[in-house]
N, C-alpha and C. Protein backbone atom coordinates (compact mmCIF):
# COMPACT_ATOMS: atom_id res chain seq x y z
N UNK A 1 120.07 95.58 95.21
CA UNK A 1 119.08 95.72 96.18
C UNK A 1 117.59 95.93 95.81
N UNK A 2 117.20 95.60 94.54
CA UNK A 2 115.85 95.75 94.10
C UNK A 2 114.99 95.05 95.11
N UNK A 3 115.41 93.96 95.82
CA UNK A 3 114.54 93.26 96.80
C UNK A 3 113.94 94.35 97.84
N UNK A 4 114.67 95.14 98.14
CA UNK A 4 114.34 95.98 99.18
C UNK A 4 112.95 96.89 98.68
N UNK A 5 113.02 97.30 97.64
CA UNK A 5 111.77 98.14 97.13
C UNK A 5 110.68 97.06 96.74
N UNK A 6 110.96 95.98 96.20
CA UNK A 6 110.11 94.92 96.01
C UNK A 6 109.25 94.54 97.15
N UNK A 7 109.85 94.26 98.24
CA UNK A 7 109.31 93.77 99.57
C UNK A 7 108.50 94.91 99.97
N UNK A 8 109.02 96.25 100.12
CA UNK A 8 108.27 97.29 100.49
C UNK A 8 107.09 97.49 99.73
N UNK A 9 107.11 97.48 98.35
CA UNK A 9 106.02 97.45 97.58
C UNK A 9 104.82 96.46 97.94
N UNK A 10 105.35 95.31 97.93
CA UNK A 10 104.30 94.24 98.18
C UNK A 10 103.67 94.51 99.65
N UNK A 11 104.38 94.69 100.65
CA UNK A 11 103.74 94.94 101.94
C UNK A 11 102.63 96.07 102.09
N UNK A 12 103.10 97.27 101.19
CA UNK A 12 102.11 98.20 101.25
C UNK A 12 100.87 97.89 100.47
N UNK A 13 101.13 97.26 99.32
CA UNK A 13 99.80 96.88 98.60
C UNK A 13 99.03 95.88 99.05
N UNK A 14 99.55 94.90 99.83
CA UNK A 14 98.86 94.07 100.58
C UNK A 14 97.87 94.74 101.81
N UNK A 15 98.48 95.59 102.50
CA UNK A 15 97.81 96.47 103.25
C UNK A 15 96.69 97.22 102.65
N UNK A 16 97.03 97.80 101.59
CA UNK A 16 96.00 98.70 100.81
C UNK A 16 94.71 97.90 100.36
N UNK A 17 95.14 96.61 99.99
CA UNK A 17 93.89 95.70 99.52
C UNK A 17 93.10 95.30 100.83
N UNK A 18 93.54 95.54 101.94
CA UNK A 18 92.60 95.30 103.00
C UNK A 18 91.38 96.33 103.12
N UNK A 19 91.76 97.57 102.81
CA UNK A 19 90.95 98.62 102.76
C UNK A 19 90.38 99.05 101.40
N UNK A 20 90.82 98.64 100.40
CA UNK A 20 90.35 98.96 99.04
C UNK A 20 90.48 97.73 98.15
N UNK A 21 89.61 96.64 98.17
CA UNK A 21 89.86 95.46 97.54
C UNK A 21 89.68 95.60 95.95
N UNK A 22 89.12 96.74 95.61
CA UNK A 22 88.95 96.85 94.29
C UNK A 22 90.14 97.10 93.59
N UNK A 23 91.26 97.44 94.27
CA UNK A 23 92.48 97.60 93.63
C UNK A 23 92.89 96.24 92.86
N UNK A 24 92.65 95.20 93.45
CA UNK A 24 92.95 93.87 92.93
C UNK A 24 92.55 93.78 91.51
N UNK A 25 91.31 94.25 91.12
CA UNK A 25 90.69 94.44 89.70
C UNK A 25 91.67 95.15 88.66
N UNK A 26 92.48 96.12 89.32
CA UNK A 26 93.20 97.06 88.41
C UNK A 26 94.38 96.22 87.80
N UNK A 27 94.71 95.16 88.52
CA UNK A 27 95.72 94.46 87.95
C UNK A 27 95.53 93.59 86.77
N UNK A 28 96.27 93.89 85.82
CA UNK A 28 96.04 92.99 84.53
C UNK A 28 96.84 91.64 84.53
N UNK A 29 95.86 90.68 84.73
CA UNK A 29 96.35 89.17 84.90
C UNK A 29 96.55 88.65 83.56
N UNK A 30 97.71 88.01 83.19
CA UNK A 30 97.94 87.10 82.25
C UNK A 30 97.36 85.86 82.32
N UNK A 31 96.67 85.38 81.56
CA UNK A 31 96.13 83.92 81.54
C UNK A 31 97.28 82.94 81.57
N UNK A 32 98.20 83.06 80.81
CA UNK A 32 99.43 82.17 80.68
C UNK A 32 100.22 82.14 81.97
N UNK A 33 100.17 83.24 82.86
CA UNK A 33 100.94 83.25 84.03
C UNK A 33 100.26 82.65 85.14
N UNK A 34 101.01 81.73 85.79
CA UNK A 34 100.26 80.99 86.72
C UNK A 34 100.68 81.33 88.16
N UNK A 35 101.80 82.19 88.31
CA UNK A 35 102.22 82.68 89.57
C UNK A 35 101.27 83.80 89.96
N UNK A 36 101.28 83.95 91.30
CA UNK A 36 100.44 85.04 91.94
C UNK A 36 101.37 86.28 92.12
N UNK A 37 102.61 86.22 91.75
CA UNK A 37 103.50 87.34 91.80
C UNK A 37 103.28 88.57 90.91
N UNK A 38 102.99 89.70 91.10
CA UNK A 38 102.75 90.59 90.07
C UNK A 38 104.01 91.59 90.04
N UNK A 39 103.99 92.36 88.82
CA UNK A 39 105.20 93.18 88.37
C UNK A 39 105.44 94.22 89.49
N UNK A 40 106.33 94.24 90.39
CA UNK A 40 106.52 95.35 91.40
C UNK A 40 106.26 96.69 90.75
N UNK A 41 106.87 96.98 89.45
CA UNK A 41 106.58 98.36 89.09
C UNK A 41 105.05 98.74 88.88
N UNK A 42 104.32 97.84 88.41
CA UNK A 42 103.00 97.82 88.38
C UNK A 42 102.17 98.46 89.68
N UNK A 43 102.74 97.29 90.78
CA UNK A 43 102.10 97.46 92.11
C UNK A 43 102.49 98.85 92.59
N UNK A 44 103.68 99.35 92.28
CA UNK A 44 104.24 100.54 92.78
C UNK A 44 103.42 101.76 92.18
N UNK A 45 103.24 101.51 90.78
CA UNK A 45 102.51 102.74 90.17
C UNK A 45 100.93 102.76 90.81
N UNK A 46 100.46 101.67 91.13
CA UNK A 46 99.11 101.62 91.55
C UNK A 46 99.18 102.15 93.08
N UNK A 47 100.07 101.92 93.89
CA UNK A 47 100.28 102.64 95.28
C UNK A 47 100.33 104.03 95.10
N UNK A 48 101.17 104.63 94.18
CA UNK A 48 101.50 105.96 93.95
C UNK A 48 100.17 106.63 93.63
N UNK A 49 99.40 106.17 92.65
CA UNK A 49 98.18 106.74 92.12
C UNK A 49 97.17 106.76 93.23
N UNK A 50 97.06 105.82 94.24
CA UNK A 50 96.05 105.81 95.26
C UNK A 50 96.43 106.63 96.52
N UNK A 51 97.52 107.15 96.56
CA UNK A 51 97.77 107.93 97.54
C UNK A 51 97.46 109.46 97.12
N UNK A 52 97.27 110.39 98.11
CA UNK A 52 97.44 111.93 97.54
C UNK A 52 98.56 112.42 96.97
N UNK A 53 98.53 113.24 96.08
CA UNK A 53 99.57 113.53 95.16
C UNK A 53 100.78 113.93 95.98
N UNK A 54 100.90 114.86 97.13
CA UNK A 54 102.08 115.11 98.00
C UNK A 54 102.92 113.89 98.45
N UNK A 55 101.92 112.89 98.85
CA UNK A 55 102.71 111.61 99.38
C UNK A 55 103.00 110.78 98.32
N UNK A 56 102.30 110.69 97.16
CA UNK A 56 102.75 109.86 96.02
C UNK A 56 103.97 110.34 95.41
N UNK A 57 104.18 111.52 95.30
CA UNK A 57 105.58 112.00 94.78
C UNK A 57 106.60 111.47 95.72
N UNK A 58 106.57 111.58 96.83
CA UNK A 58 107.68 111.13 97.84
C UNK A 58 107.83 109.53 97.56
N UNK A 59 106.82 108.92 97.43
CA UNK A 59 106.81 107.38 97.21
C UNK A 59 107.37 107.05 96.01
N UNK A 60 107.00 107.84 94.83
CA UNK A 60 107.67 107.61 93.70
C UNK A 60 109.07 107.75 93.67
N UNK A 61 109.73 108.71 94.62
CA UNK A 61 111.28 109.00 94.58
C UNK A 61 111.76 107.84 95.50
N UNK A 62 110.98 107.33 96.56
CA UNK A 62 111.37 106.11 97.32
C UNK A 62 111.48 105.00 96.60
N UNK A 63 110.61 104.75 95.52
CA UNK A 63 110.59 103.37 94.93
C UNK A 63 111.59 103.46 93.58
N UNK A 64 112.11 104.69 93.26
CA UNK A 64 112.88 104.84 92.08
C UNK A 64 114.16 104.12 92.24
N UNK A 65 114.83 103.99 91.02
CA UNK A 65 116.12 102.81 91.09
C UNK A 65 117.25 103.71 91.73
N UNK A 66 117.22 105.03 91.92
CA UNK A 66 118.39 105.82 92.60
C UNK A 66 118.51 105.51 94.14
N UNK A 67 117.19 105.05 94.76
CA UNK A 67 117.21 104.70 96.24
C UNK A 67 117.08 103.26 96.42
N UNK A 68 117.54 102.32 95.48
CA UNK A 68 117.54 100.88 95.75
C UNK A 68 118.69 100.54 96.94
N UNK A 69 119.71 101.21 97.02
CA UNK A 69 120.85 100.85 97.86
C UNK A 69 120.30 101.34 99.18
N UNK A 70 120.61 100.61 100.43
CA UNK A 70 120.48 100.95 101.65
C UNK A 70 121.56 101.82 102.19
N UNK A 71 121.53 103.02 101.80
CA UNK A 71 122.38 104.06 102.13
C UNK A 71 121.77 105.41 102.82
N UNK A 72 122.42 106.31 102.87
CA UNK A 72 122.26 107.50 103.56
C UNK A 72 121.08 108.30 102.54
N UNK A 73 121.16 108.12 101.43
CA UNK A 73 120.33 108.77 100.31
C UNK A 73 118.90 108.24 100.63
N UNK A 74 118.90 106.90 100.78
CA UNK A 74 117.56 106.27 100.93
C UNK A 74 116.81 106.62 102.23
N UNK A 75 117.81 106.56 103.35
CA UNK A 75 117.19 106.95 104.61
C UNK A 75 116.79 108.46 104.55
N UNK A 76 117.42 109.36 103.93
CA UNK A 76 116.83 110.64 103.84
C UNK A 76 115.68 110.67 102.96
N UNK A 77 115.30 109.74 102.05
CA UNK A 77 114.13 109.85 101.25
C UNK A 77 113.14 109.34 102.23
N UNK A 78 113.29 108.34 103.05
CA UNK A 78 112.31 107.87 103.94
C UNK A 78 111.90 108.93 104.87
N UNK A 79 112.76 109.45 105.33
CA UNK A 79 112.43 110.77 106.19
C UNK A 79 111.67 111.93 105.66
N UNK A 80 112.17 111.97 104.42
CA UNK A 80 111.21 113.03 103.64
C UNK A 80 109.85 112.61 103.32
N UNK A 81 109.70 111.31 103.17
CA UNK A 81 108.31 110.72 102.78
C UNK A 81 107.45 110.80 104.32
N UNK A 82 107.97 110.44 105.35
CA UNK A 82 107.31 110.48 106.66
C UNK A 82 107.23 112.01 106.92
N UNK A 83 107.97 113.00 106.70
CA UNK A 83 107.78 114.27 107.05
C UNK A 83 106.65 114.97 106.08
N UNK A 84 106.60 114.57 104.91
CA UNK A 84 105.51 115.06 103.99
C UNK A 84 104.05 114.41 104.42
N UNK A 85 104.22 113.05 104.83
CA UNK A 85 103.02 112.41 105.20
C UNK A 85 102.44 113.10 106.53
N UNK A 86 103.32 113.36 107.33
CA UNK A 86 102.98 114.14 108.70
C UNK A 86 102.16 115.51 108.42
N UNK A 87 103.02 116.28 107.37
CA UNK A 87 102.64 117.75 107.03
C UNK A 87 101.04 117.51 106.37
N UNK A 88 101.04 116.59 105.58
CA UNK A 88 99.63 116.23 104.97
C UNK A 88 98.45 115.96 105.90
N UNK A 89 98.70 114.94 106.95
CA UNK A 89 97.89 114.72 108.00
C UNK A 89 97.62 115.80 108.89
N UNK A 90 98.45 116.46 109.25
CA UNK A 90 98.28 117.73 110.09
C UNK A 90 97.36 118.71 109.43
N UNK A 91 97.83 119.05 107.98
CA UNK A 91 96.86 119.88 107.41
C UNK A 91 95.45 119.48 107.24
N UNK A 92 95.11 118.01 107.13
CA UNK A 92 93.89 117.70 107.13
C UNK A 92 93.18 117.70 108.40
N UNK A 93 93.87 117.54 109.50
CA UNK A 93 93.30 117.69 110.91
C UNK A 93 92.95 119.04 111.30
N UNK A 94 93.77 120.02 110.77
CA UNK A 94 93.60 121.40 111.29
C UNK A 94 92.39 122.02 110.36
N UNK A 95 92.31 121.42 108.90
CA UNK A 95 90.98 121.92 108.33
C UNK A 95 89.90 121.43 108.71
N UNK A 96 89.89 120.23 109.66
CA UNK A 96 88.65 120.00 110.30
C UNK A 96 88.00 120.56 111.63
N UNK A 97 89.02 121.52 111.99
CA UNK A 97 88.44 122.33 113.12
C UNK A 97 87.46 123.24 112.70
C-alpha cells in the first residue's frame, strides 16, 4: 500500500507549494528525467522539514513504512498526528493572548 503514503505526500506537497512556492526550488531535478513525478521520499522529507518539529515527528511516523497498510495502527497514527497538531495550534493561540 505504498500508494497510500505517496498519494498523501503528493497532495500535502501540492498544497504547501501554494503557500511557499520556493519549495519547488529545493527539489533536485534530473535533466535526463522527463517526467514531473518526484521521489515521494524526497517530497516527504521536505514536508517534514517545513512543519514545526512536534508535527514533523508525527508526520515522519505516518509516512514510515510500518504504517503503509490501512489498518488500526495507521488510524491510530493519524489520530496522534491530528492530536499533536491541535495541541500545537492551541499552544500558539494561547501564547498570543
